[in-house]
Amino acid sequence: MGSSAFEKLETRGTLTKTKRFRPGEESDKGAHMVKLPKGAKPVNVSLPPKAQVAWRMFGKFVQARTGSDPELEDNLLKAHIRLRPEEYLAVAWMNTTFAAVGAVVAAFVAALFLLILSIPIVTLLFIFAIVAALPIFFSYMYAFGLPVGYHGKPAGMAKKRGHKIDKRISGAMSFISAMSSADVPVDVIFKELSKQTIYGEVAKEAEWITRDTELLGLDILTALRKAAQRSPSSKFSDFLQGVVTTSTSGGQLKPYFLSKAEQFEKEDRLEMRKKMETLGMLAESFVTV
């Protein structure tokens, strides 16, 4: 792997897949070009081994059974799960199938073990009833959809990422305002922010913005607008929308960055004060008891 952060298809050398067109979408969206840095070598992107097995086993089944799911697609983007909805559902179906088979086998083994131990007949009948009900239960799951947990997992992961972004956004805004005070262009600011791992998920969001501008050929305002749409943090999304609005309306970004840095700093202080007050109340209650 080369030393350049943008030698391949993403800011840290890992690879990302371009979105595939569905049948009939080519005429609407048209062809698009992917720009690579000088000297970069295109690399074929393959699925992880587990996802490859799942796609071979359940790919056709998922494609025939499920249609377009924009909500799941958005949640996968926000959670930074680099799978298409069809691929993610194929993995979920494979996990569900293996869990069902394992549960039935384990139940039969447990029933036989209890039979050897001469367990009362009533208990054995109860266990065999459960074993008989398991295939019916999993058949129901196959008929009416996947467990809610699999479909809701990307949303939960996106929510966690949003909380992590909110925790680091104050420090990131200080970095952005400092760079802006030195008259650094906006695209360079986000490129430099993407290299600062201390800012956690905020830096990862900046990586995707830099990917859009340097690799996919988008202008910085379009990249910021797309980042605002896919960001799981409402604070970061509002900030990016503000950058776009300020730029398109002819405003100055430097005062905007400074004001947002001060705003997030004040919000952090207020949040810390609330936590300290809550901690003080709990301490007083403990002493009183």
C-alpha atoms as a PDB file:
ATOM      1  CA  MET A   1       0.000   0.000   0.000  1.00  0.00           C
ATOM      2  CA  GLY A   2       1.452   3.371  -0.991  1.00  0.00           C
ATOM      3  CA  SER A   3       2.253   6.226   1.314  1.00  0.00           C
ATOM      4  CA  SER A   4      -0.217   8.588  -0.336  1.00  0.00           C
ATOM      5  CA  ALA A   5      -3.505   8.729   1.529  1.00  0.00           C
ATOM      6  CA  PHE A   6      -5.390   8.992  -1.754  1.00  0.00           C
ATOM      7  CA  GLU A   7      -3.461   6.458  -3.834  1.00  0.00           C
ATOM      8  CA  LYS A   8      -6.399   4.122  -4.284  1.00  0.00           C
ATOM      9  CA  LEU A   9     -10.147   4.601  -4.131  1.00  0.00           C
ATOM     10  CA  GLU A  10     -10.540   6.103  -0.691  1.00  0.00           C
ATOM     11  CA  THR A  11      -8.782   8.465   1.671  1.00  0.00           C
ATOM     12  CA  ARG A  12      -7.050   5.844   3.796  1.00  0.00           C
ATOM     13  CA  GLY A  13      -6.274   3.280   1.128  1.00  0.00           C
ATOM     14  CA  THR A  14      -9.320   1.077   1.719  1.00  0.00           C
ATOM     15  CA  LEU A  15     -11.721   0.541  -1.132  1.00  0.00           C
ATOM     16  CA  THR A  16     -15.321   1.496  -1.655  1.00  0.00           C
ATOM     17  CA  LYS A  17     -17.822   0.353  -4.239  1.00  0.00           C
ATOM     18  CA  THR A  18     -19.567   2.643  -6.659  1.00  0.00           C
ATOM     19  CA  LYS A  19     -23.329   2.363  -6.565  1.00  0.00           C
ATOM     20  CA  ARG A  20     -24.692   0.011  -9.203  1.00  0.00           C
ATOM     21  CA  PHE A  21     -27.549   1.100 -11.409  1.00  0.00           C
ATOM     22  CA  ARG A  22     -30.776  -0.848 -11.264  1.00  0.00           C
ATOM     23  CA  PRO A  23     -32.429  -1.868 -14.549  1.00  0.00           C
ATOM     24  CA  GLY A  24     -33.762   1.206 -16.326  1.00  0.00           C
ATOM     25  CA  GLU A  25     -31.813   3.761 -14.275  1.00  0.00           C
ATOM     26  CA  GLU A  26     -28.962   4.230 -16.765  1.00  0.00           C
ATOM     27  CA  SER A  27     -31.065   6.446 -19.022  1.00  0.00           C
ATOM     28  CA  ASP A  28     -32.212   8.605 -16.096  1.00  0.00           C
ATOM     29  CA  LYS A  29     -28.895   9.046 -14.297  1.00  0.00           C
ATOM     30  CA  GLY A  30     -26.576   8.759 -17.265  1.00  0.00           C
ATOM     31  CA  ALA A  31     -22.951   7.789 -17.357  1.00  0.00           C
ATOM     32  CA  HIS A  32     -20.551   9.045 -14.728  1.00  0.00           C
ATOM     33  CA  MET A  33     -16.791   9.245 -14.511  1.00  0.00           C
ATOM     34  CA  VAL A  34     -14.590   8.382 -11.559  1.00  0.00           C
ATOM     35  CA  LYS A  35     -11.430  10.502 -11.329  1.00  0.00           C
ATOM     36  CA  LEU A  36      -8.331   8.879  -9.863  1.00  0.00           C
ATOM     37  CA  PRO A  37      -5.190  10.658  -8.672  1.00  0.00           C
ATOM     38  CA  LYS A  38      -2.152  10.616 -10.929  1.00  0.00           C
ATOM     39  CA  GLY A  39      -0.442   7.230 -10.829  1.00  0.00           C
ATOM     40  CA  ALA A  40      -3.355   5.468  -9.123  1.00  0.00           C
ATOM     41  CA  LYS A  41      -4.212   1.954 -10.238  1.00  0.00           C
ATOM     42  CA  PRO A  42      -7.891   0.905 -10.375  1.00  0.00           C
ATOM     43  CA  VAL A  43      -8.547  -2.101  -8.157  1.00  0.00           C
ATOM     44  CA  ASN A  44     -11.471  -4.492  -8.377  1.00  0.00           C
ATOM     45  CA  VAL A  45     -13.539  -4.397  -5.208  1.00  0.00           C
ATOM     46  CA  SER A  46     -14.787  -7.691  -3.816  1.00  0.00           C
ATOM     47  CA  LEU A  47     -17.167  -8.479  -0.996  1.00  0.00           C
ATOM     48  CA  PRO A  48     -15.902  -9.844   2.325  1.00  0.00           C
ATOM     49  CA  PRO A  49     -15.776 -13.679   2.336  1.00  0.00           C
ATOM     50  CA  LYS A  50     -18.867 -13.994   4.540  1.00  0.00           C
ATOM     51  CA  ALA A  51     -20.862 -11.655   2.309  1.00  0.00           C
ATOM     52  CA  GLN A  52     -19.717 -13.561  -0.786  1.00  0.00           C
ATOM     53  CA  VAL A  53     -21.021 -16.846   0.633  1.00  0.00           C
ATOM     54  CA  ALA A  54     -24.293 -15.200   1.645  1.00  0.00           C
ATOM     55  CA  TRP A  55     -24.731 -13.666  -1.806  1.00  0.00           C
ATOM     56  CA  ARG A  56     -24.181 -17.017  -3.532  1.00  0.00           C
ATOM     57  CA  MET A  57     -26.692 -18.711  -1.231  1.00  0.00           C
ATOM     58  CA  PHE A  58     -29.413 -16.051  -0.947  1.00  0.00           C
ATOM     59  CA  GLY A  59     -28.652 -13.421  -3.595  1.00  0.00           C
ATOM     60  CA  LYS A  60     -31.297 -14.525  -6.094  1.00  0.00           C
ATOM     61  CA  PHE A  61     -33.793 -15.161  -3.306  1.00  0.00           C
ATOM     62  CA  VAL A  62     -33.350 -11.644  -1.903  1.00  0.00           C
ATOM     63  CA  GLN A  63     -33.536  -9.998  -5.324  1.00  0.00           C
ATOM     64  CA  ALA A  64     -36.745 -11.860  -6.155  1.00  0.00           C
ATOM     65  CA  ARG A  65     -38.345 -11.240  -2.765  1.00  0.00           C
ATOM     66  CA  THR A  66     -37.396  -7.670  -1.847  1.00  0.00           C
ATOM     67  CA  GLY A  67     -37.779  -4.455  -3.752  1.00  0.00           C
ATOM     68  CA  SER A  68     -36.220  -1.054  -3.329  1.00  0.00           C
ATOM     69  CA  ASP A  69     -35.697  -0.054   0.312  1.00  0.00           C
ATOM     70  CA  PRO A  70     -34.498   3.585   0.468  1.00  0.00           C
ATOM     71  CA  GLU A  71     -34.700   3.667   4.260  1.00  0.00           C
ATOM     72  CA  LEU A  72     -32.369   0.684   4.660  1.00  0.00           C
ATOM     73  CA  GLU A  73     -30.024   2.102   2.033  1.00  0.00           C
ATOM     74  CA  ASP A  74     -29.837   5.434   3.885  1.00  0.00           C
ATOM     75  CA  ASN A  75     -29.208   3.689   7.206  1.00  0.00           C
ATOM     76  CA  LEU A  76     -26.416   1.599   5.678  1.00  0.00           C
ATOM     77  CA  LEU A  77     -24.775   4.779   4.413  1.00  0.00           C
ATOM     78  CA  LYS A  78     -25.153   6.551   7.751  1.00  0.00           C
ATOM     79  CA  ALA A  79     -23.762   3.534   9.603  1.00  0.00           C
ATOM     80  CA  HIS A  80     -20.857   3.250   7.111  1.00  0.00           C
ATOM     81  CA  ILE A  81     -21.754  -0.385   6.390  1.00  0.00           C
ATOM     82  CA  ARG A  82     -20.257  -0.879   2.951  1.00  0.00           C
ATOM     83  CA  LEU A  83     -22.859  -3.231   1.573  1.00  0.00           C
ATOM     84  CA  ARG A  84     -25.789  -2.674  -0.735  1.00  0.00           C
ATOM     85  CA  PRO A  85     -29.223  -3.374   0.788  1.00  0.00           C
ATOM     86  CA  GLU A  86     -29.499  -6.629  -1.183  1.00  0.00           C
ATOM     87  CA  GLU A  87     -26.108  -7.820   0.045  1.00  0.00           C
ATOM     88  CA  TYR A  88     -26.883  -6.887   3.633  1.00  0.00           C
ATOM     89  CA  LEU A  89     -30.209  -8.736   3.528  1.00  0.00           C
ATOM     90  CA  ALA A  90     -28.493 -11.793   2.041  1.00  0.00           C
ATOM     91  CA  VAL A  91     -26.107 -11.843   5.022  1.00  0.00           C
ATOM     92  CA  ALA A  92     -29.063 -11.445   7.380  1.00  0.00           C
ATOM     93  CA  TRP A  93     -30.927 -14.351   5.751  1.00  0.00           C
ATOM     94  CA  MET A  94     -27.853 -16.570   5.999  1.00  0.00           C
ATOM     95  CA  ASN A  95     -27.394 -15.767   9.698  1.00  0.00           C
ATOM     96  CA  THR A  96     -31.090 -16.419  10.349  1.00  0.00           C
ATOM     97  CA  THR A  97     -30.983 -19.761   8.525  1.00  0.00           C
ATOM     98  CA  PHE A  98     -27.908 -20.974  10.374  1.00  0.00           C
ATOM     99  CA  ALA A  99     -29.426 -19.881  13.690  1.00  0.00           C
ATOM    100  CA  ALA A 100     -32.663 -21.754  12.909  1.00  0.00           C
ATOM    101  CA  VAL A 101     -30.876 -24.979  11.978  1.00  0.00           C
ATOM    102  CA  GLY A 102     -28.624 -24.725  15.020  1.00  0.00           C
ATOM    103  CA  ALA A 103     -31.569 -24.139  17.361  1.00  0.00           C
ATOM    104  CA  VAL A 104     -33.488 -27.162  16.058  1.00  0.00           C
ATOM    105  CA  VAL A 105     -30.445 -29.451  16.289  1.00  0.00           C
ATOM    106  CA  ALA A 106     -29.640 -28.224  19.804  1.00  0.00           C
ATOM    107  CA  ALA A 107     -33.238 -28.793  20.923  1.00  0.00           C
ATOM    108  CA  PHE A 108     -33.260 -32.378  19.620  1.00  0.00           C
ATOM    109  CA  VAL A 109     -29.919 -33.136  21.269  1.00  0.00           C
ATOM    110  CA  ALA A 110     -31.167 -31.707  24.566  1.00  0.00           C
ATOM    111  CA  ALA A 111     -34.359 -33.775  24.349  1.00  0.00           C
ATOM    112  CA  LEU A 112     -32.436 -36.993  23.701  1.00  0.00           C
ATOM    113  CA  PHE A 113     -30.072 -36.220  26.570  1.00  0.00           C
ATOM    114  CA  LEU A 114     -32.992 -35.696  28.950  1.00  0.00           C
ATOM    115  CA  LEU A 115     -34.586 -38.928  27.699  1.00  0.00           C
ATOM    116  CA  ILE A 116     -31.423 -40.831  28.586  1.00  0.00           C
ATOM    117  CA  LEU A 117     -31.526 -39.308  32.072  1.00  0.00           C
ATOM    118  CA  SER A 118     -35.071 -40.710  32.563  1.00  0.00           C
ATOM    119  CA  ILE A 119     -36.802 -37.348  32.862  1.00  0.00           C
ATOM    120  CA  PRO A 120     -40.580 -37.516  33.565  1.00  0.00           C
ATOM    121  CA  ILE A 121     -42.756 -38.038  30.516  1.00  0.00           C
ATOM    122  CA  VAL A 122     -44.566 -34.700  30.989  1.00  0.00           C
ATOM    123  CA  THR A 123     -41.299 -32.791  30.776  1.00  0.00           C
ATOM    124  CA  LEU A 124     -40.265 -34.729  27.682  1.00  0.00           C
ATOM    125  CA  LEU A 125     -43.586 -34.007  25.980  1.00  0.00           C
ATOM    126  CA  PHE A 126     -43.145 -30.316  26.750  1.00  0.00           C
ATOM    127  CA  ILE A 127     -39.649 -30.323  25.272  1.00  0.00           C
ATOM    128  CA  PHE A 128     -40.764 -32.195  22.152  1.00  0.00           C
ATOM    129  CA  ALA A 129     -43.609 -29.692  21.738  1.00  0.00           C
ATOM    130  CA  ILE A 130     -41.086 -26.861  21.753  1.00  0.00           C
ATOM    131  CA  VAL A 131     -38.923 -28.720  19.242  1.00  0.00           C
ATOM    132  CA  ALA A 132     -41.924 -29.249  16.979  1.00  0.00           C
ATOM    133  CA  ALA A 133     -42.852 -25.566  17.237  1.00  0.00           C
ATOM    134  CA  LEU A 134     -39.410 -24.311  16.211  1.00  0.00           C
ATOM    135  CA  PRO A 135     -39.740 -25.192  12.499  1.00  0.00           C
ATOM    136  CA  ILE A 136     -43.179 -23.563  12.460  1.00  0.00           C
ATOM    137  CA  PHE A 137     -41.758 -20.427  14.058  1.00  0.00           C
ATOM    138  CA  PHE A 138     -38.879 -20.138  11.613  1.00  0.00           C
ATOM    139  CA  SER A 139     -41.203 -20.888   8.698  1.00  0.00           C
ATOM    140  CA  TYR A 140     -43.285 -17.938   9.855  1.00  0.00           C
ATOM    141  CA  MET A 141     -40.174 -15.775   9.933  1.00  0.00           C
ATOM    142  CA  TYR A 142     -39.329 -16.848   6.387  1.00  0.00           C
ATOM    143  CA  ALA A 143     -42.856 -16.135   5.206  1.00  0.00           C
ATOM    144  CA  PHE A 144     -43.286 -12.707   6.800  1.00  0.00           C
ATOM    145  CA  GLY A 145     -39.785 -11.281   6.871  1.00  0.00           C
ATOM    146  CA  LEU A 146     -36.519 -11.159   8.738  1.00  0.00           C
ATOM    147  CA  PRO A 147     -36.224 -10.550  12.461  1.00  0.00           C
ATOM    148  CA  VAL A 148     -36.640  -6.901  13.320  1.00  0.00           C
ATOM    149  CA  GLY A 149     -33.157  -6.792  14.823  1.00  0.00           C
ATOM    150  CA  TYR A 150     -31.405  -7.389  11.502  1.00  0.00           C
ATOM    151  CA  HIS A 151     -33.401  -4.743   9.676  1.00  0.00           C
ATOM    152  CA  GLY A 152     -32.997  -2.248  12.488  1.00  0.00           C
ATOM    153  CA  LYS A 153     -29.307  -2.874  13.165  1.00  0.00           C
ATOM    154  CA  PRO A 154     -28.016  -0.284  10.643  1.00  0.00           C
ATOM    155  CA  ALA A 155     -30.287   2.364  12.162  1.00  0.00           C
ATOM    156  CA  GLY A 156     -28.932   1.555  15.622  1.00  0.00           C
ATOM    157  CA  MET A 157     -25.341   1.727  14.400  1.00  0.00           C
ATOM    158  CA  ALA A 158     -26.057   5.023  12.650  1.00  0.00           C
ATOM    159  CA  LYS A 159     -27.510   6.427  15.868  1.00  0.00           C
ATOM    160  CA  LYS A 160     -24.364   5.438  17.781  1.00  0.00           C
ATOM    161  CA  ARG A 161     -22.227   7.118  15.141  1.00  0.00           C
ATOM    162  CA  GLY A 162     -24.353  10.236  15.493  1.00  0.00           C
ATOM    163  CA  HIS A 163     -23.699  10.349  19.242  1.00  0.00           C
ATOM    164  CA  LYS A 164     -19.959   9.922  18.665  1.00  0.00           C
ATOM    165  CA  ILE A 165     -19.976  12.760  16.135  1.00  0.00           C
ATOM    166  CA  ASP A 166     -21.806  15.040  18.574  1.00  0.00           C
ATOM    167  CA  LYS A 167     -19.172  14.332  21.242  1.00  0.00           C
ATOM    168  CA  ARG A 168     -16.272  15.337  18.983  1.00  0.00           C
ATOM    169  CA  ILE A 169     -17.881  18.080  16.929  1.00  0.00           C
ATOM    170  CA  SER A 170     -16.826  20.916  19.247  1.00  0.00           C
ATOM    171  CA  GLY A 171     -13.121  20.144  18.896  1.00  0.00           C
ATOM    172  CA  ALA A 172     -13.500  19.607  15.163  1.00  0.00           C
ATOM    173  CA  MET A 173     -15.163  23.010  14.781  1.00  0.00           C
ATOM    174  CA  SER A 174     -12.230  24.632  16.570  1.00  0.00           C
ATOM    175  CA  PHE A 175      -9.899  22.945  14.075  1.00  0.00           C
ATOM    176  CA  ILE A 176     -12.035  24.089  11.128  1.00  0.00           C
ATOM    177  CA  SER A 177     -12.262  27.688  12.379  1.00  0.00           C
ATOM    178  CA  ALA A 178      -8.489  27.802  12.950  1.00  0.00           C
ATOM    179  CA  MET A 179      -7.835  26.562   9.406  1.00  0.00           C
ATOM    180  CA  SER A 180     -10.354  29.050   8.031  1.00  0.00           C
ATOM    181  CA  SER A 181      -8.638  31.912   9.862  1.00  0.00           C
ATOM    182  CA  ALA A 182      -5.520  31.070   7.853  1.00  0.00           C
ATOM    183  CA  ASP A 183      -7.545  31.443   4.614  1.00  0.00           C
ATOM    184  CA  VAL A 184      -7.360  27.738   3.783  1.00  0.00           C
ATOM    185  CA  PRO A 185      -9.903  26.648   1.106  1.00  0.00           C
ATOM    186  CA  VAL A 186     -12.898  24.650   2.296  1.00  0.00           C
ATOM    187  CA  ASP A 187     -11.998  21.475   0.418  1.00  0.00           C
ATOM    188  CA  VAL A 188      -8.480  21.525   1.890  1.00  0.00           C
ATOM    189  CA  ILE A 189      -9.913  22.099   5.372  1.00  0.00           C
ATOM    190  CA  PHE A 190     -11.987  18.918   5.172  1.00  0.00           C
ATOM    191  CA  LYS A 191      -9.075  17.008   3.627  1.00  0.00           C
ATOM    192  CA  GLU A 192      -6.854  17.979   6.554  1.00  0.00           C
ATOM    193  CA  LEU A 193      -9.662  17.221   9.007  1.00  0.00           C
ATOM    194  CA  SER A 194      -9.925  13.711   7.552  1.00  0.00           C
ATOM    195  CA  LYS A 195      -6.317  13.063   8.625  1.00  0.00           C
ATOM    196  CA  GLN A 196      -6.945  14.033  12.260  1.00  0.00           C
ATOM    197  CA  THR A 197      -7.932  10.710  13.823  1.00  0.00           C
ATOM    198  CA  ILE A 198      -8.343  12.401  17.209  1.00  0.00           C
ATOM    199  CA  TYR A 199     -11.742  13.656  16.011  1.00  0.00           C
ATOM    200  CA  GLY A 200     -13.058  10.127  15.495  1.00  0.00           C
ATOM    201  CA  GLU A 201     -16.231   9.843  13.457  1.00  0.00           C
ATOM    202  CA  VAL A 202     -16.068  13.512  12.418  1.00  0.00           C
ATOM    203  CA  ALA A 203     -12.795  12.743  10.644  1.00  0.00           C
ATOM    204  CA  LYS A 204     -14.458   9.781   8.919  1.00  0.00           C
ATOM    205  CA  GLU A 205     -17.245  12.041   7.673  1.00  0.00           C
ATOM    206  CA  ALA A 206     -14.574  14.401   6.328  1.00  0.00           C
ATOM    207  CA  GLU A 207     -12.934  11.428   4.575  1.00  0.00           C
ATOM    208  CA  TRP A 208     -16.102  10.768   2.624  1.00  0.00           C
ATOM    209  CA  ILE A 209     -16.373  14.444   1.667  1.00  0.00           C
ATOM    210  CA  THR A 210     -12.775  14.359   0.391  1.00  0.00           C
ATOM    211  CA  ARG A 211     -13.494  11.126  -1.468  1.00  0.00           C
ATOM    212  CA  ASP A 212     -16.413  12.798  -3.251  1.00  0.00           C
ATOM    213  CA  THR A 213     -14.348  15.819  -4.304  1.00  0.00           C
ATOM    214  CA  GLU A 214     -11.000  14.233  -5.192  1.00  0.00           C
ATOM    215  CA  LEU A 215     -12.070  10.828  -6.467  1.00  0.00           C
ATOM    216  CA  LEU A 216     -15.634  11.194  -7.715  1.00  0.00           C
ATOM    217  CA  GLY A 217     -15.135  14.645  -9.220  1.00  0.00           C
ATOM    218  CA  LEU A 218     -17.887  16.470  -7.314  1.00  0.00           C
ATOM    219  CA  ASP A 219     -17.563  20.138  -6.499  1.00  0.00           C
ATOM    220  CA  ILE A 220     -17.197  20.931  -2.812  1.00  0.00           C
ATOM    221  CA  LEU A 221     -20.717  22.334  -2.365  1.00  0.00           C
ATOM    222  CA  THR A 222     -22.338  19.250  -3.901  1.00  0.00           C
ATOM    223  CA  ALA A 223     -20.124  17.018  -1.757  1.00  0.00           C
ATOM    224  CA  LEU A 224     -21.109  18.944   1.385  1.00  0.00           C
ATOM    225  CA  ARG A 225     -24.784  18.742   0.453  1.00  0.00           C
ATOM    226  CA  LYS A 226     -24.561  14.968  -0.005  1.00  0.00           C
ATOM    227  CA  ALA A 227     -22.640  14.630   3.264  1.00  0.00           C
ATOM    228  CA  ALA A 228     -25.338  16.592   5.083  1.00  0.00           C
ATOM    229  CA  GLN A 229     -27.988  14.206   3.745  1.00  0.00           C
ATOM    230  CA  ARG A 230     -26.173  11.043   4.830  1.00  0.00           C
ATOM    231  CA  SER A 231     -24.754  12.248   8.159  1.00  0.00           C
ATOM    232  CA  PRO A 232     -26.333  10.535  11.208  1.00  0.00           C
ATOM    233  CA  SER A 233     -25.683  13.627  13.361  1.00  0.00           C
ATOM    234  CA  SER A 234     -28.214  16.442  13.143  1.00  0.00           C
ATOM    235  CA  LYS A 235     -25.609  18.904  14.456  1.00  0.00           C
ATOM    236  CA  PHE A 236     -23.061  18.052  11.789  1.00  0.00           C
ATOM    237  CA  SER A 237     -25.751  17.962   9.111  1.00  0.00           C
ATOM    238  CA  ASP A 238     -27.005  21.432  10.079  1.00  0.00           C
ATOM    239  CA  PHE A 239     -23.431  22.719  10.077  1.00  0.00           C
ATOM    240  CA  LEU A 240     -22.799  21.418   6.551  1.00  0.00           C
ATOM    241  CA  GLN A 241     -26.091  22.827   5.300  1.00  0.00           C
ATOM    242  CA  GLY A 242     -25.063  26.153   6.790  1.00  0.00           C
ATOM    243  CA  VAL A 243     -21.779  26.038   4.881  1.00  0.00           C
ATOM    244  CA  VAL A 244     -23.643  25.442   1.622  1.00  0.00           C
ATOM    245  CA  THR A 245     -26.214  28.155   2.326  1.00  0.00           C
ATOM    246  CA  THR A 246     -23.586  30.701   3.355  1.00  0.00           C
ATOM    247  CA  SER A 247     -21.499  30.012   0.253  1.00  0.00           C
ATOM    248  CA  THR A 248     -24.382  30.117  -2.220  1.00  0.00           C
ATOM    249  CA  SER A 249     -25.781  33.326  -0.703  1.00  0.00           C
ATOM    250  CA  GLY A 250     -22.451  35.134  -1.019  1.00  0.00           C
ATOM    251  CA  GLY A 251     -21.638  35.202   2.694  1.00  0.00           C
ATOM    252  CA  GLN A 252     -18.256  34.855   4.368  1.00  0.00           C
ATOM    253  CA  LEU A 253     -17.390  31.431   5.732  1.00  0.00           C
ATOM    254  CA  LYS A 254     -14.790  32.591   8.246  1.00  0.00           C
ATOM    255  CA  PRO A 255     -17.310  34.344  10.565  1.00  0.00           C
ATOM    256  CA  TYR A 256     -19.686  31.396  10.150  1.00  0.00           C
ATOM    257  CA  PHE A 257     -17.036  28.890  11.233  1.00  0.00           C
ATOM    258  CA  LEU A 258     -16.090  31.033  14.229  1.00  0.00           C
ATOM    259  CA  SER A 259     -19.712  31.414  15.329  1.00  0.00           C
ATOM    260  CA  LYS A 260     -20.365  27.662  15.033  1.00  0.00           C
ATOM    261  CA  ALA A 261     -17.217  26.892  17.032  1.00  0.00           C
ATOM    262  CA  GLU A 262     -18.407  29.229  19.805  1.00  0.00           C
ATOM    263  CA  GLN A 263     -21.922  27.754  19.656  1.00  0.00           C
ATOM    264  CA  PHE A 264     -20.754  24.155  20.038  1.00  0.00           C
ATOM    265  CA  GLU A 265     -18.352  25.162  22.803  1.00  0.00           C
ATOM    266  CA  LYS A 266     -21.194  26.783  24.750  1.00  0.00           C
ATOM    267  CA  GLU A 267     -23.411  23.743  24.191  1.00  0.00           C
ATOM    268  CA  ASP A 268     -20.646  21.495  25.508  1.00  0.00           C
ATOM    269  CA  ARG A 269     -20.301  23.616  28.640  1.00  0.00           C
ATOM    270  CA  LEU A 270     -24.059  23.539  29.232  1.00  0.00           C
ATOM    271  CA  GLU A 271     -24.146  19.774  28.749  1.00  0.00           C
ATOM    272  CA  MET A 272     -21.258  19.336  31.155  1.00  0.00           C
ATOM    273  CA  ARG A 273     -22.987  21.574  33.715  1.00  0.00           C
ATOM    274  CA  LYS A 274     -26.169  19.486  33.475  1.00  0.00           C
ATOM    275  CA  LYS A 275     -24.195  16.298  34.022  1.00  0.00           C
ATOM    276  CA  MET A 276     -22.414  17.789  37.031  1.00  0.00           C
ATOM    277  CA  GLU A 277     -25.717  18.936  38.548  1.00  0.00           C
ATOM    278  CA  THR A 278     -27.207  15.474  38.039  1.00  0.00           C
ATOM    279  CA  LEU A 279     -24.135  13.894  39.601  1.00  0.00           C
ATOM    280  CA  GLY A 280     -24.391  16.298  42.551  1.00  0.00           C
ATOM    281  CA  MET A 281     -28.042  15.385  43.114  1.00  0.00           C
ATOM    282  CA  LEU A 282     -27.187  11.686  43.086  1.00  0.00           C
ATOM    283  CA  ALA A 283     -24.348  12.272  45.541  1.00  0.00           C
ATOM    284  CA  GLU A 284     -26.644  14.199  47.906  1.00  0.00           C
ATOM    285  CA  SER A 285     -29.252  11.441  47.703  1.00  0.00           C
ATOM    286  CA  PHE A 286     -26.608   8.831  48.499  1.00  0.00           C
ATOM    287  CA  VAL A 287     -25.362  10.808  51.517  1.00  0.00           C
ATOM    288  CA  THR A 288     -28.927  11.340  52.771  1.00  0.00           C
ATOM    289  CA  VAL A 289     -29.762   7.645  52.546  1.00  0.00           C
END
